[in-house]
């Protein structure tokens, strides 16, 4: 069951990995605020997922965003971080394109657009 869906236009980023890291951080923040139950964070960025899963000595170009994501994740009863293939993440891709087209932010709680 999908408990939370959101999208946001991000204009100030240096790389695709930074955009993905910012999206993951926003997702975990929203889960802490709205869901208060175990959550699964999925991403098709293997480098980011690898960094978040090991939780120690974060040294990537987006380490500060990763650390903040993990800190918020500790506020949840459980946070699982999973790598998914891009083909499995088509909803995320469509929401990212919607955010780029509409340049606004939206959050859907207990439903999907």
PDB file of N, CA and C in Angstrom:
ATOM      1  N   UNK A   1       0.832  -1.165   0.000  1.00  0.00           N
ATOM      2  CA  UNK A   1       0.000   0.000   0.000  1.00  0.00           C
ATOM      3  C   UNK A   1       0.887   1.242   0.000  1.00  0.00           C
ATOM      4  N   UNK A   2       0.565   2.208  -0.815  1.00  0.00           N
ATOM      5  CA  UNK A   2       1.294   3.473  -0.876  1.00  0.00           C
ATOM      6  C   UNK A   2       0.661   4.427   0.131  1.00  0.00           C
ATOM      7  N   UNK A   3       1.449   4.869   1.105  1.00  0.00           N
ATOM      8  CA  UNK A   3       0.934   5.776   2.120  1.00  0.00           C
ATOM      9  C   UNK A   3       1.194   7.233   1.792  1.00  0.00           C
ATOM     10  N   UNK A   4       2.234   7.483   1.009  1.00  0.00           N
ATOM     11  CA  UNK A   4       2.637   8.852   0.756  1.00  0.00           C
ATOM     12  C   UNK A   4       3.269   8.958  -0.617  1.00  0.00           C
ATOM     13  N   UNK A   5       2.834   9.922  -1.403  1.00  0.00           N
ATOM     14  CA  UNK A   5       3.410  10.196  -2.712  1.00  0.00           C
ATOM     15  C   UNK A   5       3.643  11.697  -2.787  1.00  0.00           C
ATOM     16  N   UNK A   6       4.768  12.098  -3.355  1.00  0.00           N
ATOM     17  CA  UNK A   6       5.021  13.537  -3.466  1.00  0.00           C
ATOM     18  C   UNK A   6       5.913  13.814  -4.663  1.00  0.00           C
ATOM     19  N   UNK A   7       5.926  15.072  -5.051  1.00  0.00           N
ATOM     20  CA  UNK A   7       6.881  15.522  -6.058  1.00  0.00           C
ATOM     21  C   UNK A   7       7.229  16.970  -5.804  1.00  0.00           C
ATOM     22  N   UNK A   8       8.411  17.338  -6.250  1.00  0.00           N
ATOM     23  CA  UNK A   8       8.902  18.712  -6.071  1.00  0.00           C
ATOM     24  C   UNK A   8       9.843  19.033  -7.212  1.00  0.00           C
ATOM     25  N   UNK A   9       9.743  20.219  -7.728  1.00  0.00           N
ATOM     26  CA  UNK A   9      10.684  20.679  -8.740  1.00  0.00           C
ATOM     27  C   UNK A   9      11.958  21.141  -8.026  1.00  0.00           C
ATOM     28  N   UNK A  10      13.095  20.629  -8.462  1.00  0.00           N
ATOM     29  CA  UNK A  10      14.388  20.993  -7.877  1.00  0.00           C
ATOM     30  C   UNK A  10      15.205  21.679  -8.964  1.00  0.00           C
ATOM     31  N   UNK A  11      15.583  22.930  -8.709  1.00  0.00           N
ATOM     32  CA  UNK A  11      16.276  23.713  -9.732  1.00  0.00           C
ATOM     33  C   UNK A  11      17.763  23.903  -9.457  1.00  0.00           C
ATOM     34  N   UNK A  12      18.162  23.821  -8.205  1.00  0.00           N
ATOM     35  CA  UNK A  12      19.551  24.102  -7.847  1.00  0.00           C
ATOM     36  C   UNK A  12      20.273  22.822  -7.442  1.00  0.00           C
ATOM     37  N   UNK A  13      20.710  22.049  -8.407  1.00  0.00           N
ATOM     38  CA  UNK A  13      21.448  20.819  -8.113  1.00  0.00           C
ATOM     39  C   UNK A  13      22.586  20.675  -9.108  1.00  0.00           C
ATOM     40  N   UNK A  14      23.674  20.059  -8.660  1.00  0.00           N
ATOM     41  CA  UNK A  14      24.854  19.906  -9.508  1.00  0.00           C
ATOM     42  C   UNK A  14      24.896  18.595 -10.268  1.00  0.00           C
ATOM     43  N   UNK A  15      24.075  17.632  -9.858  1.00  0.00           N
ATOM     44  CA  UNK A  15      24.130  16.325 -10.515  1.00  0.00           C
ATOM     45  C   UNK A  15      22.814  15.582 -10.315  1.00  0.00           C
ATOM     46  N   UNK A  16      22.634  14.538 -11.101  1.00  0.00           N
ATOM     47  CA  UNK A  16      21.450  13.695 -10.946  1.00  0.00           C
ATOM     48  C   UNK A  16      21.460  13.010  -9.576  1.00  0.00           C
ATOM     49  N   UNK A  17      22.640  12.639  -9.102  1.00  0.00           N
ATOM     50  CA  UNK A  17      22.724  12.007  -7.785  1.00  0.00           C
ATOM     51  C   UNK A  17      22.287  12.970  -6.683  1.00  0.00           C
ATOM     52  N   UNK A  18      22.636  14.240  -6.827  1.00  0.00           N
ATOM     53  CA  UNK A  18      22.217  15.220  -5.829  1.00  0.00           C
ATOM     54  C   UNK A  18      20.700  15.378  -5.843  1.00  0.00           C
ATOM     55  N   UNK A  19      20.094  15.395  -7.000  1.00  0.00           N
ATOM     56  CA  UNK A  19      18.635  15.493  -7.100  1.00  0.00           C
ATOM     57  C   UNK A  19      17.994  14.272  -6.443  1.00  0.00           C
ATOM     58  N   UNK A  20      18.515  13.097  -6.728  1.00  0.00           N
ATOM     59  CA  UNK A  20      17.975  11.862  -6.144  1.00  0.00           C
ATOM     60  C   UNK A  20      18.141  11.875  -4.624  1.00  0.00           C
ATOM     61  N   UNK A  21      19.289  12.325  -4.139  1.00  0.00           N
ATOM     62  CA  UNK A  21      19.524  12.399  -2.688  1.00  0.00           C
ATOM     63  C   UNK A  21      18.557  13.373  -2.033  1.00  0.00           C
ATOM     64  N   UNK A  22      18.319  14.510  -2.676  1.00  0.00           N
ATOM     65  CA  UNK A  22      17.374  15.490  -2.148  1.00  0.00           C
ATOM     66  C   UNK A  22      15.956  14.921  -2.125  1.00  0.00           C
ATOM     67  N   UNK A  23      15.604  14.168  -3.148  1.00  0.00           N
ATOM     68  CA  UNK A  23      14.284  13.534  -3.199  1.00  0.00           C
ATOM     69  C   UNK A  23      14.143  12.499  -2.085  1.00  0.00           C
ATOM     70  N   UNK A  24      15.185  11.718  -1.838  1.00  0.00           N
ATOM     71  CA  UNK A  24      15.149  10.722  -0.766  1.00  0.00           C
ATOM     72  C   UNK A  24      15.001  11.399   0.597  1.00  0.00           C
ATOM     73  N   UNK A  25      15.751  12.462   0.810  1.00  0.00           N
ATOM     74  CA  UNK A  25      15.653  13.212   2.058  1.00  0.00           C
ATOM     75  C   UNK A  25      14.236  13.731   2.256  1.00  0.00           C
ATOM     76  N   UNK A  26      13.675  14.325   1.222  1.00  0.00           N
ATOM     77  CA  UNK A  26      12.313  14.856   1.314  1.00  0.00           C
ATOM     78  C   UNK A  26      11.320  13.744   1.614  1.00  0.00           C
ATOM     79  N   UNK A  27      11.486  12.592   0.984  1.00  0.00           N
ATOM     80  CA  UNK A  27      10.592  11.466   1.231  1.00  0.00           C
ATOM     81  C   UNK A  27      10.650  10.986   2.672  1.00  0.00           C
ATOM     82  N   UNK A  28      11.851  10.889   3.217  1.00  0.00           N
ATOM     83  CA  UNK A  28      11.992  10.436   4.604  1.00  0.00           C
ATOM     84  C   UNK A  28      11.441  11.493   5.563  1.00  0.00           C
ATOM     85  N   UNK A  29      11.690  12.754   5.293  1.00  0.00           N
ATOM     86  CA  UNK A  29      11.119  13.822   6.127  1.00  0.00           C
ATOM     87  C   UNK A  29       9.598  13.738   6.161  1.00  0.00           C
ATOM     88  N   UNK A  30       9.006  13.557   5.000  1.00  0.00           N
ATOM     89  CA  UNK A  30       7.547  13.463   4.921  1.00  0.00           C
ATOM     90  C   UNK A  30       7.035  12.222   5.640  1.00  0.00           C
ATOM     91  N   UNK A  31       7.753  11.107   5.538  1.00  0.00           N
ATOM     92  CA  UNK A  31       7.350   9.885   6.236  1.00  0.00           C
ATOM     93  C   UNK A  31       7.367  10.099   7.748  1.00  0.00           C
ATOM     94  N   UNK A  32       8.379  10.794   8.236  1.00  0.00           N
ATOM     95  CA  UNK A  32       8.459  11.087   9.671  1.00  0.00           C
ATOM     96  C   UNK A  32       7.273  11.953  10.089  1.00  0.00           C
ATOM     97  N   UNK A  33       6.936  12.925   9.276  1.00  0.00           N
ATOM     98  CA  UNK A  33       5.858  13.859   9.602  1.00  0.00           C
ATOM     99  C   UNK A  33       4.472  13.230   9.491  1.00  0.00           C
ATOM    100  N   UNK A  34       4.251  12.392   8.480  1.00  0.00           N
ATOM    101  CA  UNK A  34       2.902  11.930   8.166  1.00  0.00           C
ATOM    102  C   UNK A  34       2.607  10.480   8.502  1.00  0.00           C
ATOM    103  N   UNK A  35       3.588   9.604   8.492  1.00  0.00           N
ATOM    104  CA  UNK A  35       3.280   8.168   8.546  1.00  0.00           C
ATOM    105  C   UNK A  35       3.542   7.504   9.893  1.00  0.00           C
ATOM    106  N   UNK A  36       4.607   7.824  10.574  1.00  0.00           N
ATOM    107  CA  UNK A  36       4.923   7.274  11.890  1.00  0.00           C
ATOM    108  C   UNK A  36       4.864   5.746  11.941  1.00  0.00           C
ATOM    109  N   UNK A  37       5.329   5.097  10.903  1.00  0.00           N
ATOM    110  CA  UNK A  37       5.392   3.643  10.867  1.00  0.00           C
ATOM    111  C   UNK A  37       6.571   3.223  10.003  1.00  0.00           C
ATOM    112  N   UNK A  38       6.905   1.941   9.999  1.00  0.00           N
ATOM    113  CA  UNK A  38       8.047   1.505   9.177  1.00  0.00           C
ATOM    114  C   UNK A  38       7.872   1.960   7.725  1.00  0.00           C
ATOM    115  N   UNK A  39       8.991   2.329   7.106  1.00  0.00           N
ATOM    116  CA  UNK A  39       8.943   2.848   5.736  1.00  0.00           C
ATOM    117  C   UNK A  39      10.001   2.168   4.876  1.00  0.00           C
ATOM    118  N   UNK A  40       9.744   2.176   3.574  1.00  0.00           N
ATOM    119  CA  UNK A  40      10.697   1.657   2.596  1.00  0.00           C
ATOM    120  C   UNK A  40      11.051   2.803   1.659  1.00  0.00           C
ATOM    121  N   UNK A  41      12.332   3.079   1.556  1.00  0.00           N
ATOM    122  CA  UNK A  41      12.838   4.092   0.646  1.00  0.00           C
ATOM    123  C   UNK A  41      13.444   3.371  -0.547  1.00  0.00           C
ATOM    124  N   UNK A  42      12.912   3.617  -1.733  1.00  0.00           N
ATOM    125  CA  UNK A  42      13.405   2.961  -2.939  1.00  0.00           C
ATOM    126  C   UNK A  42      14.028   3.990  -3.869  1.00  0.00           C
ATOM    127  N   UNK A  43      15.133   3.594  -4.483  1.00  0.00           N
ATOM    128  CA  UNK A  43      15.814   4.443  -5.451  1.00  0.00           C
ATOM    129  C   UNK A  43      16.470   3.561  -6.502  1.00  0.00           C
ATOM    130  N   UNK A  44      16.590   4.115  -7.710  1.00  0.00           N
ATOM    131  CA  UNK A  44      17.298   3.383  -8.763  1.00  0.00           C
ATOM    132  C   UNK A  44      18.740   3.860  -8.904  1.00  0.00           C
ATOM    133  N   UNK A  45      19.199   4.680  -7.975  1.00  0.00           N
ATOM    134  CA  UNK A  45      20.583   5.180  -7.985  1.00  0.00           C
ATOM    135  C   UNK A  45      21.439   4.271  -7.083  1.00  0.00           C
ATOM    136  N   UNK A  46      22.175   3.359  -7.696  1.00  0.00           N
ATOM    137  CA  UNK A  46      22.925   2.362  -6.921  1.00  0.00           C
ATOM    138  C   UNK A  46      23.985   2.997  -6.017  1.00  0.00           C
ATOM    139  N   UNK A  47      24.635   4.053  -6.477  1.00  0.00           N
ATOM    140  CA  UNK A  47      25.660   4.700  -5.652  1.00  0.00           C
ATOM    141  C   UNK A  47      25.039   5.290  -4.383  1.00  0.00           C
ATOM    142  N   UNK A  48      23.901   5.934  -4.527  1.00  0.00           N
ATOM    143  CA  UNK A  48      23.221   6.537  -3.379  1.00  0.00           C
ATOM    144  C   UNK A  48      22.710   5.463  -2.426  1.00  0.00           C
ATOM    145  N   UNK A  49      22.071   4.444  -2.947  1.00  0.00           N
ATOM    146  CA  UNK A  49      21.557   3.363  -2.098  1.00  0.00           C
ATOM    147  C   UNK A  49      22.704   2.685  -1.349  1.00  0.00           C
ATOM    148  N   UNK A  50      23.817   2.450  -2.033  1.00  0.00           N
ATOM    149  CA  UNK A  50      24.976   1.837  -1.385  1.00  0.00           C
ATOM    150  C   UNK A  50      25.479   2.668  -0.223  1.00  0.00           C
ATOM    151  N   UNK A  51      25.566   3.970  -0.418  1.00  0.00           N
ATOM    152  CA  UNK A  51      26.019   4.865   0.649  1.00  0.00           C
ATOM    153  C   UNK A  51      25.042   4.862   1.821  1.00  0.00           C
ATOM    154  N   UNK A  52      23.751   4.943   1.535  1.00  0.00           N
ATOM    155  CA  UNK A  52      22.752   4.980   2.602  1.00  0.00           C
ATOM    156  C   UNK A  52      22.693   3.660   3.366  1.00  0.00           C
ATOM    157  N   UNK A  53      22.896   2.561   2.689  1.00  0.00           N
ATOM    158  CA  UNK A  53      22.831   1.259   3.357  1.00  0.00           C
ATOM    159  C   UNK A  53      24.017   1.007   4.272  1.00  0.00           C
ATOM    160  N   UNK A  54      25.191   1.509   3.923  1.00  0.00           N
ATOM    161  CA  UNK A  54      26.345   1.229   4.783  1.00  0.00           C
ATOM    162  C   UNK A  54      26.420   2.167   5.981  1.00  0.00           C
ATOM    163  N   UNK A  55      25.848   3.360   5.896  1.00  0.00           N
ATOM    164  CA  UNK A  55      25.686   4.301   7.008  1.00  0.00           C
ATOM    165  C   UNK A  55      26.971   4.769   7.668  1.00  0.00           C
ATOM    166  N   UNK A  56      28.119   4.283   7.280  1.00  0.00           N
ATOM    167  CA  UNK A  56      29.361   4.725   7.908  1.00  0.00           C
ATOM    168  C   UNK A  56      30.271   5.350   6.867  1.00  0.00           C
ATOM    169  N   UNK A  57      31.054   6.270   7.305  1.00  0.00           N
ATOM    170  CA  UNK A  57      32.026   6.970   6.471  1.00  0.00           C
ATOM    171  C   UNK A  57      31.446   7.401   5.121  1.00  0.00           C
ATOM    172  N   UNK A  58      30.356   8.118   5.192  1.00  0.00           N
ATOM    173  CA  UNK A  58      29.749   8.637   3.969  1.00  0.00           C
ATOM    174  C   UNK A  58      30.709   9.645   3.349  1.00  0.00           C
ATOM    175  N   UNK A  59      31.121   9.376   2.119  1.00  0.00           N
ATOM    176  CA  UNK A  59      32.121  10.232   1.478  1.00  0.00           C
ATOM    177  C   UNK A  59      31.720  10.668   0.080  1.00  0.00           C
ATOM    178  N   UNK A  60      30.506  10.465  -0.288  1.00  0.00           N
ATOM    179  CA  UNK A  60      30.098  10.829  -1.637  1.00  0.00           C
ATOM    180  C   UNK A  60      29.967  12.343  -1.751  1.00  0.00           C
ATOM    181  N   UNK A  61      29.674  12.797  -2.947  1.00  0.00           N
ATOM    182  CA  UNK A  61      29.514  14.232  -3.193  1.00  0.00           C
ATOM    183  C   UNK A  61      28.285  14.800  -2.486  1.00  0.00           C
ATOM    184  N   UNK A  62      27.413  13.938  -2.031  1.00  0.00           N
ATOM    185  CA  UNK A  62      26.185  14.396  -1.367  1.00  0.00           C
ATOM    186  C   UNK A  62      26.099  13.858   0.066  1.00  0.00           C
ATOM    187  N   UNK A  63      27.250  13.690   0.712  1.00  0.00           N
ATOM    188  CA  UNK A  63      27.285  13.062   2.032  1.00  0.00           C
ATOM    189  C   UNK A  63      26.458  13.805   3.076  1.00  0.00           C
ATOM    190  N   UNK A  64      26.380  15.128   2.998  1.00  0.00           N
ATOM    191  CA  UNK A  64      25.602  15.873   3.987  1.00  0.00           C
ATOM    192  C   UNK A  64      24.112  15.582   3.842  1.00  0.00           C
ATOM    193  N   UNK A  65      23.650  15.443   2.630  1.00  0.00           N
ATOM    194  CA  UNK A  65      22.246  15.094   2.394  1.00  0.00           C
ATOM    195  C   UNK A  65      21.990  13.663   2.868  1.00  0.00           C
ATOM    196  N   UNK A  66      22.933  12.773   2.596  1.00  0.00           N
ATOM    197  CA  UNK A  66      22.793  11.376   3.038  1.00  0.00           C
ATOM    198  C   UNK A  66      22.723  11.296   4.566  1.00  0.00           C
ATOM    199  N   UNK A  67      23.589  12.014   5.243  1.00  0.00           N
ATOM    200  CA  UNK A  67      23.589  11.987   6.713  1.00  0.00           C
ATOM    201  C   UNK A  67      22.259  12.488   7.265  1.00  0.00           C
ATOM    202  N   UNK A  68      21.753  13.565   6.686  1.00  0.00           N
ATOM    203  CA  UNK A  68      20.479  14.110   7.150  1.00  0.00           C
ATOM    204  C   UNK A  68      19.337  13.119   6.895  1.00  0.00           C
ATOM    205  N   UNK A  69      19.374  12.446   5.765  1.00  0.00           N
ATOM    206  CA  UNK A  69      18.365  11.431   5.454  1.00  0.00           C
ATOM    207  C   UNK A  69      18.382  10.335   6.504  1.00  0.00           C
ATOM    208  N   UNK A  70      19.564   9.849   6.855  1.00  0.00           N
ATOM    209  CA  UNK A  70      19.688   8.788   7.859  1.00  0.00           C
ATOM    210  C   UNK A  70      19.256   9.272   9.240  1.00  0.00           C
ATOM    211  N   UNK A  71      19.552  10.527   9.578  1.00  0.00           N
ATOM    212  CA  UNK A  71      19.121  11.074  10.873  1.00  0.00           C
ATOM    213  C   UNK A  71      17.600  11.105  10.963  1.00  0.00           C
ATOM    214  N   UNK A  72      16.942  11.553   9.901  1.00  0.00           N
ATOM    215  CA  UNK A  72      15.472  11.546   9.894  1.00  0.00           C
ATOM    216  C   UNK A  72      14.957  10.110   9.926  1.00  0.00           C
ATOM    217  N   UNK A  73      15.625   9.208   9.228  1.00  0.00           N
ATOM    218  CA  UNK A  73      15.221   7.807   9.210  1.00  0.00           C
ATOM    219  C   UNK A  73      15.225   7.169  10.587  1.00  0.00           C
ATOM    220  N   UNK A  74      16.099   7.631  11.468  1.00  0.00           N
ATOM    221  CA  UNK A  74      16.155   7.102  12.833  1.00  0.00           C
ATOM    222  C   UNK A  74      14.920   7.488  13.644  1.00  0.00           C
ATOM    223  N   UNK A  75      14.160   8.459  13.173  1.00  0.00           N
ATOM    224  CA  UNK A  75      12.940   8.866  13.857  1.00  0.00           C
ATOM    225  C   UNK A  75      11.758   7.962  13.501  1.00  0.00           C
ATOM    226  N   UNK A  76      11.941   7.106  12.511  1.00  0.00           N
ATOM    227  CA  UNK A  76      10.913   6.151  12.124  1.00  0.00           C
ATOM    228  C   UNK A  76      11.118   4.837  12.877  1.00  0.00           C
ATOM    229  N   UNK A  77      10.051   4.060  13.084  1.00  0.00           N
ATOM    230  CA  UNK A  77      10.245   2.754  13.733  1.00  0.00           C
ATOM    231  C   UNK A  77      11.236   1.877  12.966  1.00  0.00           C
ATOM    232  N   UNK A  78      11.220   1.986  11.632  1.00  0.00           N
ATOM    233  CA  UNK A  78      12.147   1.229  10.791  1.00  0.00           C
ATOM    234  C   UNK A  78      12.205   1.901   9.425  1.00  0.00           C
ATOM    235  N   UNK A  79      13.388   1.946   8.840  1.00  0.00           N
ATOM    236  CA  UNK A  79      13.556   2.458   7.482  1.00  0.00           C
ATOM    237  C   UNK A  79      14.390   1.454   6.698  1.00  0.00           C
ATOM    238  N   UNK A  80      13.781   0.860   5.694  1.00  0.00           N
ATOM    239  CA  UNK A  80      14.498  -0.043   4.794  1.00  0.00           C
ATOM    240  C   UNK A  80      14.857   0.742   3.546  1.00  0.00           C
ATOM    241  N   UNK A  81      16.062   0.559   3.075  1.00  0.00           N
ATOM    242  CA  UNK A  81      16.536   1.250   1.876  1.00  0.00           C
ATOM    243  C   UNK A  81      16.801   0.197   0.826  1.00  0.00           C
ATOM    244  N   UNK A  82      16.135   0.318  -0.317  1.00  0.00           N
ATOM    245  CA  UNK A  82      16.243  -0.716  -1.350  1.00  0.00           C
ATOM    246  C   UNK A  82      16.579  -0.115  -2.700  1.00  0.00           C
ATOM    247  N   UNK A  83      17.396  -0.839  -3.421  1.00  0.00           N
ATOM    248  CA  UNK A  83      17.701  -0.503  -4.807  1.00  0.00           C
ATOM    249  C   UNK A  83      16.669  -1.184  -5.695  1.00  0.00           C
ATOM    250  N   UNK A  84      16.084  -0.424  -6.592  1.00  0.00           N
ATOM    251  CA  UNK A  84      15.135  -0.985  -7.559  1.00  0.00           C
ATOM    252  C   UNK A  84      15.627  -0.644  -8.960  1.00  0.00           C
ATOM    253  N   UNK A  85      15.298  -1.497  -9.901  1.00  0.00           N
ATOM    254  CA  UNK A  85      15.665  -1.202 -11.289  1.00  0.00           C
ATOM    255  C   UNK A  85      14.829  -0.033 -11.789  1.00  0.00           C
ATOM    256  N   UNK A  86      15.379   0.713 -12.695  1.00  0.00           N
ATOM    257  CA  UNK A  86      14.688   1.876 -13.243  1.00  0.00           C
ATOM    258  C   UNK A  86      13.313   1.500 -13.794  1.00  0.00           C
ATOM    259  N   UNK A  87      13.213   0.323 -14.409  1.00  0.00           N
ATOM    260  CA  UNK A  87      11.943  -0.123 -14.968  1.00  0.00           C
ATOM    261  C   UNK A  87      10.893  -0.339 -13.878  1.00  0.00           C
ATOM    262  N   UNK A  88      11.328  -0.692 -12.679  1.00  0.00           N
ATOM    263  CA  UNK A  88      10.416  -0.902 -11.562  1.00  0.00           C
ATOM    264  C   UNK A  88       9.980   0.413 -10.939  1.00  0.00           C
ATOM    265  N   UNK A  89      10.629   1.475 -11.270  1.00  0.00           N
ATOM    266  CA  UNK A  89      10.412   2.768 -10.637  1.00  0.00           C
ATOM    267  C   UNK A  89       9.729   3.750 -11.594  1.00  0.00           C
ATOM    268  N   UNK A  90       8.847   3.260 -12.435  1.00  0.00           N
ATOM    269  CA  UNK A  90       8.233   4.114 -13.455  1.00  0.00           C
ATOM    270  C   UNK A  90       7.353   5.205 -12.851  1.00  0.00           C
ATOM    271  N   UNK A  91       6.708   4.931 -11.717  1.00  0.00           N
ATOM    272  CA  UNK A  91       5.881   5.954 -11.077  1.00  0.00           C
ATOM    273  C   UNK A  91       6.753   7.122 -10.642  1.00  0.00           C
ATOM    274  N   UNK A  92       7.889   6.815 -10.044  1.00  0.00           N
ATOM    275  CA  UNK A  92       8.814   7.872  -9.616  1.00  0.00           C
ATOM    276  C   UNK A  92       9.266   8.708 -10.811  1.00  0.00           C
ATOM    277  N   UNK A  93       9.543   8.052 -11.909  1.00  0.00           N
ATOM    278  CA  UNK A  93       9.982   8.749 -13.112  1.00  0.00           C
ATOM    279  C   UNK A  93       8.885   9.675 -13.634  1.00  0.00           C
ATOM    280  N   UNK A  94       7.662   9.202 -13.641  1.00  0.00           N
ATOM    281  CA  UNK A  94       6.540  10.021 -14.108  1.00  0.00           C
ATOM    282  C   UNK A  94       6.302  11.222 -13.191  1.00  0.00           C
ATOM    283  N   UNK A  95       6.428  11.013 -11.875  1.00  0.00           N
ATOM    284  CA  UNK A  95       6.273  12.128 -10.938  1.00  0.00           C
ATOM    285  C   UNK A  95       7.394  13.152 -11.101  1.00  0.00           C
ATOM    286  N   UNK A  96       8.608  12.688 -11.362  1.00  0.00           N
ATOM    287  CA  UNK A  96       9.727  13.610 -11.584  1.00  0.00           C
ATOM    288  C   UNK A  96       9.471  14.459 -12.826  1.00  0.00           C
ATOM    289  N   UNK A  97       8.975  13.837 -13.878  1.00  0.00           N
ATOM    290  CA  UNK A  97       8.663  14.601 -15.092  1.00  0.00           C
ATOM    291  C   UNK A  97       7.501  15.566 -14.864  1.00  0.00           C
ATOM    292  N   UNK A  98       6.523  15.161 -14.065  1.00  0.00           N
ATOM    293  CA  UNK A  98       5.410  16.047 -13.730  1.00  0.00           C
ATOM    294  C   UNK A  98       5.912  17.266 -12.970  1.00  0.00           C
ATOM    295  N   UNK A  99       6.810  17.056 -12.024  1.00  0.00           N
ATOM    296  CA  UNK A  99       7.369  18.179 -11.259  1.00  0.00           C
ATOM    297  C   UNK A  99       8.108  19.146 -12.170  1.00  0.00           C
ATOM    298  N   UNK A 100       8.860  18.617 -13.143  1.00  0.00           N
ATOM    299  CA  UNK A 100       9.582  19.489 -14.076  1.00  0.00           C
ATOM    300  C   UNK A 100       8.624  20.293 -14.939  1.00  0.00           C
ATOM    301  N   UNK A 101       7.536  19.655 -15.370  1.00  0.00           N
ATOM    302  CA  UNK A 101       6.568  20.352 -16.234  1.00  0.00           C
ATOM    303  C   UNK A 101       5.756  21.408 -15.489  1.00  0.00           C
ATOM    304  N   UNK A 102       5.357  21.098 -14.265  1.00  0.00           N
ATOM    305  CA  UNK A 102       4.444  21.991 -13.549  1.00  0.00           C
ATOM    306  C   UNK A 102       5.155  22.942 -12.597  1.00  0.00           C
ATOM    307  N   UNK A 103       6.403  22.677 -12.282  1.00  0.00           N
ATOM    308  CA  UNK A 103       7.237  23.479 -11.372  1.00  0.00           C
ATOM    309  C   UNK A 103       6.544  23.796 -10.050  1.00  0.00           C
ATOM    310  N   UNK A 104       5.847  22.824  -9.498  1.00  0.00           N
ATOM    311  CA  UNK A 104       5.293  23.001  -8.165  1.00  0.00           C
ATOM    312  C   UNK A 104       5.482  21.718  -7.358  1.00  0.00           C
ATOM    313  N   UNK A 105       5.113  21.801  -6.093  1.00  0.00           N
ATOM    314  CA  UNK A 105       5.270  20.681  -5.175  1.00  0.00           C
ATOM    315  C   UNK A 105       3.894  20.199  -4.747  1.00  0.00           C
ATOM    316  N   UNK A 106       3.772  18.886  -4.557  1.00  0.00           N
ATOM    317  CA  UNK A 106       2.513  18.324  -4.068  1.00  0.00           C
ATOM    318  C   UNK A 106       2.815  17.090  -3.230  1.00  0.00           C
ATOM    319  N   UNK A 107       1.952  16.834  -2.273  1.00  0.00           N
ATOM    320  CA  UNK A 107       2.032  15.646  -1.425  1.00  0.00           C
ATOM    321  C   UNK A 107       0.650  15.007  -1.394  1.00  0.00           C
ATOM    322  N   UNK A 108       0.615  13.707  -1.627  1.00  0.00           N
ATOM    323  CA  UNK A 108      -0.627  12.940  -1.582  1.00  0.00           C
ATOM    324  C   UNK A 108      -0.509  11.951  -0.434  1.00  0.00           C
ATOM    325  N   UNK A 109      -1.391  12.044   0.538  1.00  0.00           N
ATOM    326  CA  UNK A 109      -1.373  11.150   1.687  1.00  0.00           C
ATOM    327  C   UNK A 109      -2.495  10.126   1.550  1.00  0.00           C
ATOM    328  N   UNK A 110      -2.135   8.849   1.653  1.00  0.00           N
ATOM    329  CA  UNK A 110      -3.076   7.732   1.573  1.00  0.00           C
ATOM    330  C   UNK A 110      -3.750   7.597   0.192  1.00  0.00           C
ATOM    331  N   UNK A 111      -3.133   8.167  -0.821  1.00  0.00           N
ATOM    332  CA  UNK A 111      -3.634   8.015  -2.185  1.00  0.00           C
ATOM    333  C   UNK A 111      -2.512   8.347  -3.154  1.00  0.00           C
ATOM    334  N   UNK A 112      -2.724   8.038  -4.410  1.00  0.00           N
ATOM    335  CA  UNK A 112      -1.746   8.356  -5.439  1.00  0.00           C
ATOM    336  C   UNK A 112      -2.438   9.185  -6.509  1.00  0.00           C
ATOM    337  N   UNK A 113      -1.684  10.040  -7.209  1.00  0.00           N
ATOM    338  CA  UNK A 113      -2.306  10.879  -8.236  1.00  0.00           C
ATOM    339  C   UNK A 113      -2.780  10.056  -9.436  1.00  0.00           C
TER     340      UNK A 113
END
